[in-house]
Full PDB file with SEQRES, HELIX, SHEET, SSBOND, CRYST1, ORIGX, SCALE, CONECT and MASTER records, all heavy atoms in Angstrom:
SEQRES   1 A   41  ASN ALA SER LEU GLN GLY ILE TYR TYR CYS PRO PHE HIS          
SEQRES   2 A   41  LYS ASP GLY ASP GLY GLU TYR ARG ARG GLU SER PRO TYR          
SEQRES   3 A   41  ARG LYS PRO LYS PRO GLY MET LEU LEU ALA ALA ALA ALA          
SEQRES   4 A   41  GLU PHE                                                      
HELIX    1 AA1 GLY A   18  TYR A   20  5                                   3    
HELIX    2 AA2 GLY A   32  GLU A   40  1                                   9    
CRYST1    1.000    1.000    1.000  90.00  90.00  90.00 P 1           1          
ORIGX1      1.000000  0.000000  0.000000        0.00000                         
ORIGX2      0.000000  1.000000  0.000000        0.00000                         
ORIGX3      0.000000  0.000000  1.000000        0.00000                         
SCALE1      1.000000  0.000000  0.000000        0.00000                         
SCALE2      0.000000  1.000000  0.000000        0.00000                         
SCALE3      0.000000  0.000000  1.000000        0.00000                         
ATOM      1  N   ASN A   1     139.784 -77.790 -42.171  1.00  0.00           N  
ATOM      2  CA  ASN A   1     140.801 -78.495 -42.935  1.00  0.00           C  
ATOM      3  C   ASN A   1     140.334 -79.887 -43.385  1.00  0.00           C  
ATOM      4  O   ASN A   1     141.080 -80.896 -43.351  1.00  0.00           O  
ATOM      5  CB  ASN A   1     142.066 -78.714 -42.110  1.00  0.00           C  
ATOM      6  CG  ASN A   1     142.748 -77.413 -41.723  1.00  0.00           C  
ATOM      7  OD1 ASN A   1     142.948 -76.480 -42.596  1.00  0.00           O  
ATOM      8  ND2 ASN A   1     142.992 -77.147 -40.478  1.00  0.00           N  
ATOM      9  N   ALA A   2     139.049 -79.970 -43.676  1.00  0.00           N  
ATOM     10  CA  ALA A   2     138.406 -81.164 -44.273  1.00  0.00           C  
ATOM     11  C   ALA A   2     137.991 -81.029 -45.654  1.00  0.00           C  
ATOM     12  O   ALA A   2     137.527 -79.846 -46.056  1.00  0.00           O  
ATOM     13  CB  ALA A   2     137.206 -81.602 -43.301  1.00  0.00           C  
ATOM     14  N   SER A   3     137.883 -82.074 -46.460  1.00  0.00           N  
ATOM     15  CA  SER A   3     137.427 -81.962 -47.880  1.00  0.00           C  
ATOM     16  C   SER A   3     136.673 -83.221 -48.227  1.00  0.00           C  
ATOM     17  O   SER A   3     136.900 -84.198 -47.723  1.00  0.00           O  
ATOM     18  CB  SER A   3     138.630 -81.692 -48.812  1.00  0.00           C  
ATOM     19  OG  SER A   3     139.476 -82.776 -48.761  1.00  0.00           O  
ATOM     20  N   LEU A   4     135.875 -82.996 -49.250  1.00  0.00           N  
ATOM     21  CA  LEU A   4     135.191 -84.168 -49.861  1.00  0.00           C  
ATOM     22  C   LEU A   4     135.782 -84.429 -51.338  1.00  0.00           C  
ATOM     23  O   LEU A   4     136.098 -83.446 -51.945  1.00  0.00           O  
ATOM     24  CB  LEU A   4     133.750 -83.863 -49.925  1.00  0.00           C  
ATOM     25  CG  LEU A   4     133.067 -83.607 -48.672  1.00  0.00           C  
ATOM     26  CD1 LEU A   4     131.531 -83.136 -48.865  1.00  0.00           C  
ATOM     27  CD2 LEU A   4     132.987 -84.953 -47.735  1.00  0.00           C  
ATOM     28  N   GLN A   5     135.722 -85.628 -51.696  1.00  0.00           N  
ATOM     29  CA  GLN A   5     136.271 -85.877 -53.082  1.00  0.00           C  
ATOM     30  C   GLN A   5     135.104 -85.794 -54.110  1.00  0.00           C  
ATOM     31  O   GLN A   5     135.278 -85.823 -55.355  1.00  0.00           O  
ATOM     32  CB  GLN A   5     136.915 -87.311 -53.190  1.00  0.00           C  
ATOM     33  CG  GLN A   5     138.458 -87.225 -52.793  1.00  0.00           C  
ATOM     34  CD  GLN A   5     138.687 -86.515 -51.411  1.00  0.00           C  
ATOM     35  OE1 GLN A   5     138.270 -87.118 -50.367  1.00  0.00           O  
ATOM     36  NE2 GLN A   5     139.152 -85.339 -51.420  1.00  0.00           N  
ATOM     37  N   GLY A   6     133.876 -85.789 -53.598  1.00  0.00           N  
ATOM     38  CA  GLY A   6     132.792 -85.643 -54.460  1.00  0.00           C  
ATOM     39  C   GLY A   6     131.415 -85.713 -53.701  1.00  0.00           C  
ATOM     40  O   GLY A   6     131.326 -86.309 -52.668  1.00  0.00           O  
ATOM     41  N   ILE A   7     130.385 -85.179 -54.314  1.00  0.00           N  
ATOM     42  CA  ILE A   7     128.944 -85.250 -53.787  1.00  0.00           C  
ATOM     43  C   ILE A   7     128.137 -85.836 -54.845  1.00  0.00           C  
ATOM     44  O   ILE A   7     127.907 -85.182 -55.875  1.00  0.00           O  
ATOM     45  CB  ILE A   7     128.467 -83.870 -53.245  1.00  0.00           C  
ATOM     46  CG1 ILE A   7     129.414 -83.334 -52.193  1.00  0.00           C  
ATOM     47  CG2 ILE A   7     126.958 -84.077 -52.747  1.00  0.00           C  
ATOM     48  CD1 ILE A   7     129.016 -81.867 -51.802  1.00  0.00           C  
ATOM     49  N   TYR A   8     127.592 -87.000 -54.616  1.00  0.00           N  
ATOM     50  CA  TYR A   8     126.548 -87.649 -55.592  1.00  0.00           C  
ATOM     51  C   TYR A   8     125.256 -87.549 -54.955  1.00  0.00           C  
ATOM     52  O   TYR A   8     125.105 -87.789 -53.722  1.00  0.00           O  
ATOM     53  CB  TYR A   8     126.973 -89.072 -55.807  1.00  0.00           C  
ATOM     54  CG  TYR A   8     128.267 -89.335 -56.654  1.00  0.00           C  
ATOM     55  CD1 TYR A   8     129.541 -89.010 -55.979  1.00  0.00           C  
ATOM     56  CD2 TYR A   8     128.227 -89.551 -57.910  1.00  0.00           C  
ATOM     57  CE1 TYR A   8     130.752 -89.088 -56.704  1.00  0.00           C  
ATOM     58  CE2 TYR A   8     129.443 -89.809 -58.719  1.00  0.00           C  
ATOM     59  CZ  TYR A   8     130.651 -89.570 -58.021  1.00  0.00           C  
ATOM     60  OH  TYR A   8     131.788 -89.702 -58.763  1.00  0.00           O  
ATOM     61  N   TYR A   9     124.287 -87.071 -55.810  1.00  0.00           N  
ATOM     62  CA  TYR A   9     123.021 -86.848 -55.166  1.00  0.00           C  
ATOM     63  C   TYR A   9     121.876 -87.387 -56.180  1.00  0.00           C  
ATOM     64  O   TYR A   9     122.029 -87.433 -57.350  1.00  0.00           O  
ATOM     65  CB  TYR A   9     122.696 -85.406 -54.782  1.00  0.00           C  
ATOM     66  CG  TYR A   9     122.643 -84.455 -56.042  1.00  0.00           C  
ATOM     67  CD1 TYR A   9     121.366 -84.089 -56.577  1.00  0.00           C  
ATOM     68  CD2 TYR A   9     123.763 -83.900 -56.661  1.00  0.00           C  
ATOM     69  CE1 TYR A   9     121.194 -83.260 -57.675  1.00  0.00           C  
ATOM     70  CE2 TYR A   9     123.599 -83.108 -57.749  1.00  0.00           C  
ATOM     71  CZ  TYR A   9     122.346 -82.718 -58.228  1.00  0.00           C  
ATOM     72  OH  TYR A   9     122.300 -81.863 -59.343  1.00  0.00           O  
ATOM     73  N   CYS A  10     120.711 -87.682 -55.538  1.00  0.00           N  
ATOM     74  CA  CYS A  10     119.575 -88.187 -56.410  1.00  0.00           C  
ATOM     75  C   CYS A  10     118.372 -87.297 -56.082  1.00  0.00           C  
ATOM     76  O   CYS A  10     117.819 -87.296 -54.986  1.00  0.00           O  
ATOM     77  CB  CYS A  10     119.267 -89.662 -56.117  1.00  0.00           C  
ATOM     78  SG  CYS A  10     117.805 -90.231 -57.084  1.00  0.00           S  
ATOM     79  N   PRO A  11     117.994 -86.474 -57.068  1.00  0.00           N  
ATOM     80  CA  PRO A  11     116.858 -85.547 -56.819  1.00  0.00           C  
ATOM     81  C   PRO A  11     115.470 -86.089 -57.114  1.00  0.00           C  
ATOM     82  O   PRO A  11     114.446 -85.385 -56.966  1.00  0.00           O  
ATOM     83  CB  PRO A  11     117.166 -84.366 -57.757  1.00  0.00           C  
ATOM     84  CG  PRO A  11     117.806 -84.993 -58.924  1.00  0.00           C  
ATOM     85  CD  PRO A  11     118.507 -86.244 -58.370  1.00  0.00           C  
ATOM     86  N   PHE A  12     115.410 -87.397 -57.550  1.00  0.00           N  
ATOM     87  CA  PHE A  12     114.205 -88.006 -58.088  1.00  0.00           C  
ATOM     88  C   PHE A  12     113.371 -88.600 -56.980  1.00  0.00           C  
ATOM     89  O   PHE A  12     113.963 -89.213 -56.018  1.00  0.00           O  
ATOM     90  CB  PHE A  12     114.464 -88.992 -59.183  1.00  0.00           C  
ATOM     91  CG  PHE A  12     115.304 -88.347 -60.313  1.00  0.00           C  
ATOM     92  CD1 PHE A  12     116.667 -88.631 -60.455  1.00  0.00           C  
ATOM     93  CD2 PHE A  12     114.689 -87.440 -61.225  1.00  0.00           C  
ATOM     94  CE1 PHE A  12     117.367 -88.005 -61.507  1.00  0.00           C  
ATOM     95  CE2 PHE A  12     115.404 -86.836 -62.268  1.00  0.00           C  
ATOM     96  CZ  PHE A  12     116.768 -87.183 -62.403  1.00  0.00           C  
ATOM     97  N   HIS A  13     112.092 -88.728 -57.192  1.00  0.00           N  
ATOM     98  CA  HIS A  13     111.259 -89.513 -56.294  1.00  0.00           C  
ATOM     99  C   HIS A  13     109.970 -89.912 -57.067  1.00  0.00           C  
ATOM    100  O   HIS A  13     109.411 -89.155 -57.827  1.00  0.00           O  
ATOM    101  CB  HIS A  13     110.831 -88.792 -55.077  1.00  0.00           C  
ATOM    102  CG  HIS A  13     110.217 -89.543 -53.943  1.00  0.00           C  
ATOM    103  ND1 HIS A  13     108.931 -89.894 -53.945  1.00  0.00           N  
ATOM    104  CD2 HIS A  13     110.865 -90.127 -52.840  1.00  0.00           C  
ATOM    105  CE1 HIS A  13     108.679 -90.646 -52.899  1.00  0.00           C  
ATOM    106  NE2 HIS A  13     109.757 -90.819 -52.257  1.00  0.00           N  
ATOM    107  N   LYS A  14     109.480 -91.079 -56.786  1.00  0.00           N  
ATOM    108  CA  LYS A  14     108.326 -91.596 -57.470  1.00  0.00           C  
ATOM    109  C   LYS A  14     107.065 -90.719 -57.302  1.00  0.00           C  
ATOM    110  O   LYS A  14     106.124 -90.707 -58.070  1.00  0.00           O  
ATOM    111  CB  LYS A  14     108.020 -92.972 -57.229  1.00  0.00           C  
ATOM    112  CG  LYS A  14     107.677 -93.317 -55.736  1.00  0.00           C  
ATOM    113  CD  LYS A  14     107.415 -94.811 -55.516  1.00  0.00           C  
ATOM    114  CE  LYS A  14     107.160 -95.087 -54.112  1.00  0.00           C  
ATOM    115  NZ  LYS A  14     105.995 -94.488 -53.536  1.00  0.00           N  
ATOM    116  N   ASP A  15     107.053 -90.022 -56.125  1.00  0.00           N  
ATOM    117  CA  ASP A  15     105.913 -89.135 -55.852  1.00  0.00           C  
ATOM    118  C   ASP A  15     106.216 -87.596 -56.050  1.00  0.00           C  
ATOM    119  O   ASP A  15     105.566 -86.772 -55.530  1.00  0.00           O  
ATOM    120  CB  ASP A  15     105.407 -89.391 -54.415  1.00  0.00           C  
ATOM    121  CG  ASP A  15     104.915 -90.748 -54.168  1.00  0.00           C  
ATOM    122  OD1 ASP A  15     104.271 -91.292 -55.115  1.00  0.00           O  
ATOM    123  OD2 ASP A  15     105.171 -91.343 -53.132  1.00  0.00           O  
ATOM    124  N   GLY A  16     107.225 -87.385 -56.771  1.00  0.00           N  
ATOM    125  CA  GLY A  16     107.795 -86.051 -56.946  1.00  0.00           C  
ATOM    126  C   GLY A  16     106.955 -85.249 -58.097  1.00  0.00           C  
ATOM    127  O   GLY A  16     105.922 -85.736 -58.487  1.00  0.00           O  
ATOM    128  N   ASP A  17     107.433 -84.048 -58.313  1.00  0.00           N  
ATOM    129  CA  ASP A  17     106.747 -83.213 -59.311  1.00  0.00           C  
ATOM    130  C   ASP A  17     107.447 -83.157 -60.619  1.00  0.00           C  
ATOM    131  O   ASP A  17     108.771 -83.124 -60.682  1.00  0.00           O  
ATOM    132  CB  ASP A  17     106.729 -81.824 -58.732  1.00  0.00           C  
ATOM    133  CG  ASP A  17     105.894 -81.653 -57.426  1.00  0.00           C  
ATOM    134  OD1 ASP A  17     104.940 -82.436 -57.295  1.00  0.00           O  
ATOM    135  OD2 ASP A  17     106.252 -80.860 -56.599  1.00  0.00           O  
ATOM    136  N   GLY A  18     106.676 -83.011 -61.760  1.00  0.00           N  
ATOM    137  CA  GLY A  18     107.256 -82.767 -63.000  1.00  0.00           C  
ATOM    138  C   GLY A  18     108.358 -83.836 -63.467  1.00  0.00           C  
ATOM    139  O   GLY A  18     108.195 -85.018 -63.326  1.00  0.00           O  
ATOM    140  N   GLU A  19     109.472 -83.283 -63.969  1.00  0.00           N  
ATOM    141  CA  GLU A  19     110.551 -84.162 -64.498  1.00  0.00           C  
ATOM    142  C   GLU A  19     111.242 -84.999 -63.487  1.00  0.00           C  
ATOM    143  O   GLU A  19     111.810 -86.004 -63.719  1.00  0.00           O  
ATOM    144  CB  GLU A  19     111.551 -83.276 -65.247  1.00  0.00           C  
ATOM    145  CG  GLU A  19     112.313 -82.397 -64.322  1.00  0.00           C  
ATOM    146  CD  GLU A  19     113.344 -81.522 -64.963  1.00  0.00           C  
ATOM    147  OE1 GLU A  19     114.220 -82.060 -65.671  1.00  0.00           O  
ATOM    148  OE2 GLU A  19     113.223 -80.306 -65.031  1.00  0.00           O  
ATOM    149  N   TYR A  20     110.976 -84.647 -62.132  1.00  0.00           N  
ATOM    150  CA  TYR A  20     111.615 -85.390 -61.092  1.00  0.00           C  
ATOM    151  C   TYR A  20     110.768 -86.529 -60.617  1.00  0.00           C  
ATOM    152  O   TYR A  20     111.204 -87.234 -59.693  1.00  0.00           O  
ATOM    153  CB  TYR A  20     111.909 -84.425 -59.996  1.00  0.00           C  
ATOM    154  CG  TYR A  20     113.033 -83.375 -60.426  1.00  0.00           C  
ATOM    155  CD1 TYR A  20     112.654 -82.085 -60.636  1.00  0.00           C  
ATOM    156  CD2 TYR A  20     114.376 -83.738 -60.493  1.00  0.00           C  
ATOM    157  CE1 TYR A  20     113.546 -81.076 -61.042  1.00  0.00           C  
ATOM    158  CE2 TYR A  20     115.287 -82.717 -60.839  1.00  0.00           C  
ATOM    159  CZ  TYR A  20     114.834 -81.430 -61.126  1.00  0.00           C  
ATOM    160  OH  TYR A  20     115.862 -80.478 -61.524  1.00  0.00           O  
ATOM    161  N   ARG A  21     109.567 -86.631 -61.086  1.00  0.00           N  
ATOM    162  CA  ARG A  21     108.704 -87.650 -60.704  1.00  0.00           C  
ATOM    163  C   ARG A  21     108.957 -88.934 -61.407  1.00  0.00           C  
ATOM    164  O   ARG A  21     108.365 -89.326 -62.488  1.00  0.00           O  
ATOM    165  CB  ARG A  21     107.190 -87.262 -60.901  1.00  0.00           C  
ATOM    166  CG  ARG A  21     106.109 -88.236 -60.394  1.00  0.00           C  
ATOM    167  CD  ARG A  21     104.763 -87.733 -60.853  1.00  0.00           C  
ATOM    168  NE  ARG A  21     103.740 -88.695 -60.414  1.00  0.00           N  
ATOM    169  CZ  ARG A  21     103.053 -88.583 -59.281  1.00  0.00           C  
ATOM    170  NH1 ARG A  21     103.279 -87.616 -58.435  1.00  0.00           N  
ATOM    171  NH2 ARG A  21     102.073 -89.471 -58.926  1.00  0.00           N  
ATOM    172  N   ARG A  22     109.874 -89.754 -60.814  1.00  0.00           N  
ATOM    173  CA  ARG A  22     110.161 -91.113 -61.384  1.00  0.00           C  
ATOM    174  C   ARG A  22     111.027 -91.873 -60.447  1.00  0.00           C  
ATOM    175  O   ARG A  22     111.699 -91.317 -59.524  1.00  0.00           O  
ATOM    176  CB  ARG A  22     110.889 -90.921 -62.714  1.00  0.00           C  
ATOM    177  CG  ARG A  22     112.295 -90.229 -62.788  1.00  0.00           C  
ATOM    178  CD  ARG A  22     112.814 -90.213 -64.190  1.00  0.00           C  
ATOM    179  NE  ARG A  22     114.074 -89.691 -64.316  1.00  0.00           N  
ATOM    180  CZ  ARG A  22     115.195 -90.215 -64.096  1.00  0.00           C  
ATOM    181  NH1 ARG A  22     115.211 -91.461 -63.695  1.00  0.00           N  
ATOM    182  NH2 ARG A  22     116.317 -89.624 -64.426  1.00  0.00           N  
ATOM    183  N   GLU A  23     111.072 -93.166 -60.713  1.00  0.00           N  
ATOM    184  CA  GLU A  23     112.096 -93.950 -60.063  1.00  0.00           C  
ATOM    185  C   GLU A  23     113.459 -93.754 -60.588  1.00  0.00           C  
ATOM    186  O   GLU A  23     113.606 -93.198 -61.683  1.00  0.00           O  
ATOM    187  CB  GLU A  23     111.772 -95.475 -60.295  1.00  0.00           C  
ATOM    188  CG  GLU A  23     110.362 -95.869 -59.723  1.00  0.00           C  
ATOM    189  CD  GLU A  23     110.377 -96.197 -58.217  1.00  0.00           C  
ATOM    190  OE1 GLU A  23     111.460 -96.022 -57.658  1.00  0.00           O  
ATOM    191  OE2 GLU A  23     109.362 -96.624 -57.745  1.00  0.00           O  
ATOM    192  N   SER A  24     114.592 -93.934 -59.806  1.00  0.00           N  
ATOM    193  CA  SER A  24     115.890 -93.780 -60.248  1.00  0.00           C  
ATOM    194  C   SER A  24     116.795 -94.942 -59.744  1.00  0.00           C  
ATOM    195  O   SER A  24     116.710 -95.251 -58.570  1.00  0.00           O  
ATOM    196  CB  SER A  24     116.399 -92.415 -59.783  1.00  0.00           C  
ATOM    197  OG  SER A  24     117.806 -92.289 -60.043  1.00  0.00           O  
ATOM    198  N   PRO A  25     117.680 -95.312 -60.483  1.00  0.00           N  
ATOM    199  CA  PRO A  25     118.661 -96.393 -60.091  1.00  0.00           C  
ATOM    200  C   PRO A  25     119.689 -95.767 -59.135  1.00  0.00           C  
ATOM    201  O   PRO A  25     120.388 -96.489 -58.504  1.00  0.00           O  
ATOM    202  CB  PRO A  25     119.324 -96.839 -61.391  1.00  0.00           C  
ATOM    203  CG  PRO A  25     119.241 -95.624 -62.249  1.00  0.00           C  
ATOM    204  CD  PRO A  25     117.851 -95.045 -61.961  1.00  0.00           C  
ATOM    205  N   TYR A  26     119.657 -94.416 -58.947  1.00  0.00           N  
ATOM    206  CA  TYR A  26     120.565 -93.850 -58.058  1.00  0.00           C  
ATOM    207  C   TYR A  26     119.991 -93.486 -56.662  1.00  0.00           C  
ATOM    208  O   TYR A  26     120.701 -93.153 -55.800  1.00  0.00           O  
ATOM    209  CB  TYR A  26     121.109 -92.400 -58.585  1.00  0.00           C  
ATOM    210  CG  TYR A  26     121.896 -92.685 -59.947  1.00  0.00           C  
ATOM    211  CD1 TYR A  26     121.405 -92.345 -61.155  1.00  0.00           C  
ATOM    212  CD2 TYR A  26     123.125 -93.380 -59.834  1.00  0.00           C  
ATOM    213  CE1 TYR A  26     122.072 -92.482 -62.313  1.00  0.00           C  
ATOM    214  CE2 TYR A  26     123.827 -93.528 -61.027  1.00  0.00           C  
ATOM    215  CZ  TYR A  26     123.343 -93.107 -62.261  1.00  0.00           C  
ATOM    216  OH  TYR A  26     124.015 -93.414 -63.383  1.00  0.00           O  
ATOM    217  N   ARG A  27     118.654 -93.731 -56.583  1.00  0.00           N  
ATOM    218  CA  ARG A  27     118.122 -93.370 -55.134  1.00  0.00           C  
ATOM    219  C   ARG A  27     118.308 -94.580 -54.207  1.00  0.00           C  
ATOM    220  O   ARG A  27     117.884 -95.696 -54.577  1.00  0.00           O  
ATOM    221  CB  ARG A  27     116.597 -93.125 -55.339  1.00  0.00           C  
ATOM    222  CG  ARG A  27     115.925 -92.821 -53.974  1.00  0.00           C  
ATOM    223  CD  ARG A  27     114.519 -92.269 -54.148  1.00  0.00           C  
ATOM    224  NE  ARG A  27     113.803 -92.201 -52.861  1.00  0.00           N  
ATOM    225  CZ  ARG A  27     114.104 -91.216 -52.003  1.00  0.00           C  
ATOM    226  NH1 ARG A  27     114.764 -90.178 -52.335  1.00  0.00           N  
ATOM    227  NH2 ARG A  27     113.447 -91.185 -50.852  1.00  0.00           N  
ATOM    228  N   LYS A  28     118.969 -94.301 -53.160  1.00  0.00           N  
ATOM    229  CA  LYS A  28     119.126 -95.393 -52.150  1.00  0.00           C  
ATOM    230  C   LYS A  28     117.725 -95.821 -51.682  1.00  0.00           C  
ATOM    231  O   LYS A  28     116.894 -95.064 -51.550  1.00  0.00           O  
ATOM    232  CB  LYS A  28     119.988 -94.830 -50.988  1.00  0.00           C  
ATOM    233  CG  LYS A  28     121.453 -94.470 -51.284  1.00  0.00           C  
ATOM    234  CD  LYS A  28     122.115 -93.884 -50.098  1.00  0.00           C  
ATOM    235  CE  LYS A  28     121.616 -92.483 -49.619  1.00  0.00           C  
ATOM    236  NZ  LYS A  28     122.300 -91.835 -48.594  1.00  0.00           N  
ATOM    237  N   PRO A  29     117.574 -97.134 -51.430  1.00  0.00           N  
ATOM    238  CA  PRO A  29     118.559 -98.120 -51.178  1.00  0.00           C  
ATOM    239  C   PRO A  29     119.260 -98.812 -52.405  1.00  0.00           C  
ATOM    240  O   PRO A  29     120.055 -99.693 -52.178  1.00  0.00           O  
ATOM    241  CB  PRO A  29     117.823 -99.221 -50.458  1.00  0.00           C  
ATOM    242  CG  PRO A  29     116.391 -99.140 -51.067  1.00  0.00           C  
ATOM    243  CD  PRO A  29     116.175 -97.635 -51.281  1.00  0.00           C  
ATOM    244  N   LYS A  30     118.957 -98.377 -53.667  1.00  0.00           N  
ATOM    245  CA  LYS A  30     119.655 -98.887 -54.732  1.00  0.00           C  
ATOM    246  C   LYS A  30     121.154 -98.282 -54.633  1.00  0.00           C  
ATOM    247  O   LYS A  30     121.356 -97.207 -54.055  1.00  0.00           O  
ATOM    248  CB  LYS A  30     118.991 -98.444 -56.077  1.00  0.00           C  
ATOM    249  CG  LYS A  30     117.582 -98.991 -56.241  1.00  0.00           C  
ATOM    250  CD  LYS A  30     116.902 -98.501 -57.441  1.00  0.00           C  
ATOM    251  CE  LYS A  30     115.504 -99.121 -57.580  1.00  0.00           C  
ATOM    252  NZ  LYS A  30     114.784 -98.651 -58.810  1.00  0.00           N  
ATOM    253  N   PRO A  31     122.094 -99.138 -55.218  1.00  0.00           N  
ATOM    254  CA  PRO A  31     123.468 -98.735 -54.995  1.00  0.00           C  
ATOM    255  C   PRO A  31     124.049 -97.820 -56.161  1.00  0.00           C  
ATOM    256  O   PRO A  31     125.254 -97.628 -56.192  1.00  0.00           O  
ATOM    257  CB  PRO A  31     124.137-100.116 -55.099  1.00  0.00           C  
ATOM    258  CG  PRO A  31     123.281-100.906 -56.112  1.00  0.00           C  
ATOM    259  CD  PRO A  31     121.828-100.471 -55.898  1.00  0.00           C  
ATOM    260  N   GLY A  32     123.244 -97.294 -57.027  1.00  0.00           N  
ATOM    261  CA  GLY A  32     123.686 -96.632 -58.160  1.00  0.00           C  
ATOM    262  C   GLY A  32     124.737 -95.485 -57.925  1.00  0.00           C  
ATOM    263  O   GLY A  32     125.687 -95.399 -58.632  1.00  0.00           O  
ATOM    264  N   MET A  33     124.538 -94.698 -56.904  1.00  0.00           N  
ATOM    265  CA  MET A  33     125.477 -93.599 -56.654  1.00  0.00           C  
ATOM    266  C   MET A  33     126.849 -94.156 -56.307  1.00  0.00           C  
ATOM    267  O   MET A  33     127.949 -93.687 -56.708  1.00  0.00           O  
ATOM    268  CB  MET A  33     124.926 -92.661 -55.617  1.00  0.00           C  
ATOM    269  CG  MET A  33     123.875 -91.690 -56.025  1.00  0.00           C  
ATOM    270  SD  MET A  33     123.361 -90.473 -54.827  1.00  0.00           S  
ATOM    271  CE  MET A  33     122.423 -91.466 -53.599  1.00  0.00           C  
ATOM    272  N   LEU A  34     126.890 -95.233 -55.463  1.00  0.00           N  
ATOM    273  CA  LEU A  34     128.192 -95.805 -55.036  1.00  0.00           C  
ATOM    274  C   LEU A  34     128.860 -96.461 -56.278  1.00  0.00           C  
ATOM    275  O   LEU A  34     130.081 -96.337 -56.498  1.00  0.00           O  
ATOM    276  CB  LEU A  34     127.952 -96.867 -53.933  1.00  0.00           C  
ATOM    277  CG  LEU A  34     127.593 -96.317 -52.601  1.00  0.00           C  
ATOM    278  CD1 LEU A  34     126.101 -96.015 -52.442  1.00  0.00           C  
ATOM    279  CD2 LEU A  34     128.016 -97.338 -51.468  1.00  0.00           C  
ATOM    280  N   LEU A  35     128.061 -97.152 -57.083  1.00  0.00           N  
ATOM    281  CA  LEU A  35     128.727 -97.782 -58.307  1.00  0.00           C  
ATOM    282  C   LEU A  35     129.185 -96.668 -59.265  1.00  0.00           C  
ATOM    283  O   LEU A  35     130.289 -96.878 -59.859  1.00  0.00           O  
ATOM    284  CB  LEU A  35     127.538 -98.680 -58.951  1.00  0.00           C  
ATOM    285  CG  LEU A  35     127.006 -99.777 -58.236  1.00  0.00           C  
ATOM    286  CD1 LEU A  35     126.011-100.530 -58.970  1.00  0.00           C  
ATOM    287  CD2 LEU A  35     128.058-100.722 -57.679  1.00  0.00           C  
ATOM    288  N   ALA A  36     128.543 -95.618 -59.378  1.00  0.00           N  
ATOM    289  CA  ALA A  36     128.965 -94.546 -60.300  1.00  0.00           C  
ATOM    290  C   ALA A  36     130.236 -93.882 -59.750  1.00  0.00           C  
ATOM    291  O   ALA A  36     131.187 -93.740 -60.495  1.00  0.00           O  
ATOM    292  CB  ALA A  36     127.858 -93.482 -60.410  1.00  0.00           C  
ATOM    293  N   ALA A  37     130.347 -93.681 -58.452  1.00  0.00           N  
ATOM    294  CA  ALA A  37     131.595 -93.114 -57.882  1.00  0.00           C  
ATOM    295  C   ALA A  37     132.725 -94.128 -57.962  1.00  0.00           C  
ATOM    296  O   ALA A  37     133.866 -93.659 -58.341  1.00  0.00           O  
ATOM    297  CB  ALA A  37     131.304 -92.815 -56.316  1.00  0.00           C  
ATOM    298  N   ALA A  38     132.501 -95.435 -57.790  1.00  0.00           N  
ATOM    299  CA  ALA A  38     133.564 -96.368 -58.005  1.00  0.00           C  
ATOM    300  C   ALA A  38     134.080 -96.433 -59.456  1.00  0.00           C  
ATOM    301  O   ALA A  38     135.184 -96.623 -59.668  1.00  0.00           O  
ATOM    302  CB  ALA A  38     133.087 -97.789 -57.503  1.00  0.00           C  
ATOM    303  N   ALA A  39     133.126 -96.205 -60.395  1.00  0.00           N  
ATOM    304  CA  ALA A  39     133.592 -96.190 -61.761  1.00  0.00           C  
ATOM    305  C   ALA A  39     134.337 -94.941 -62.081  1.00  0.00           C  
ATOM    306  O   ALA A  39     135.185 -94.928 -63.000  1.00  0.00           O  
ATOM    307  CB  ALA A  39     132.336 -96.321 -62.712  1.00  0.00           C  
ATOM    308  N   GLU A  40     134.035 -93.804 -61.498  1.00  0.00           N  
ATOM    309  CA  GLU A  40     134.737 -92.537 -61.754  1.00  0.00           C  
ATOM    310  C   GLU A  40     136.111 -92.464 -61.080  1.00  0.00           C  
ATOM    311  O   GLU A  40     137.010 -91.939 -61.629  1.00  0.00           O  
ATOM    312  CB  GLU A  40     133.810 -91.389 -61.398  1.00  0.00           C  
ATOM    313  CG  GLU A  40     134.354 -90.031 -61.695  1.00  0.00           C  
ATOM    314  CD  GLU A  40     133.373 -88.950 -61.753  1.00  0.00           C  
ATOM    315  OE1 GLU A  40     132.270 -89.150 -61.258  1.00  0.00           O  
ATOM    316  OE2 GLU A  40     133.740 -87.799 -62.152  1.00  0.00           O  
ATOM    317  N   PHE A  41     136.067 -92.927 -59.864  1.00  0.00           N  
ATOM    318  CA  PHE A  41     137.366 -93.035 -59.140  1.00  0.00           C  
ATOM    319  C   PHE A  41     137.929 -94.355 -59.124  1.00  0.00           C  
ATOM    320  O   PHE A  41     137.264 -95.333 -59.645  1.00  0.00           O  
ATOM    321  CB  PHE A  41     137.067 -92.545 -57.643  1.00  0.00           C  
ATOM    322  CG  PHE A  41     136.677 -91.170 -57.530  1.00  0.00           C  
ATOM    323  CD1 PHE A  41     135.361 -90.767 -57.539  1.00  0.00           C  
ATOM    324  CD2 PHE A  41     137.634 -90.168 -57.257  1.00  0.00           C  
ATOM    325  CE1 PHE A  41     134.942 -89.465 -57.348  1.00  0.00           C  
ATOM    326  CE2 PHE A  41     137.243 -88.899 -57.187  1.00  0.00           C  
ATOM    327  CZ  PHE A  41     135.979 -88.436 -57.203  1.00  0.00           C  
TER     328      PHE A  41                                                      
MASTER        0    0    0    2    0    0    0    6  327    1    0    4          
END                                                                             
């Protein structure tokens, strides 16, 4: 009887492979995912 209102995720990493190999404003410790959620909700 538990639910989530959303799951925000960051699949990127500076040492990753292919298209995922990059910095991201959504990767913690940056606050991007929290800011995006606050904007959506």
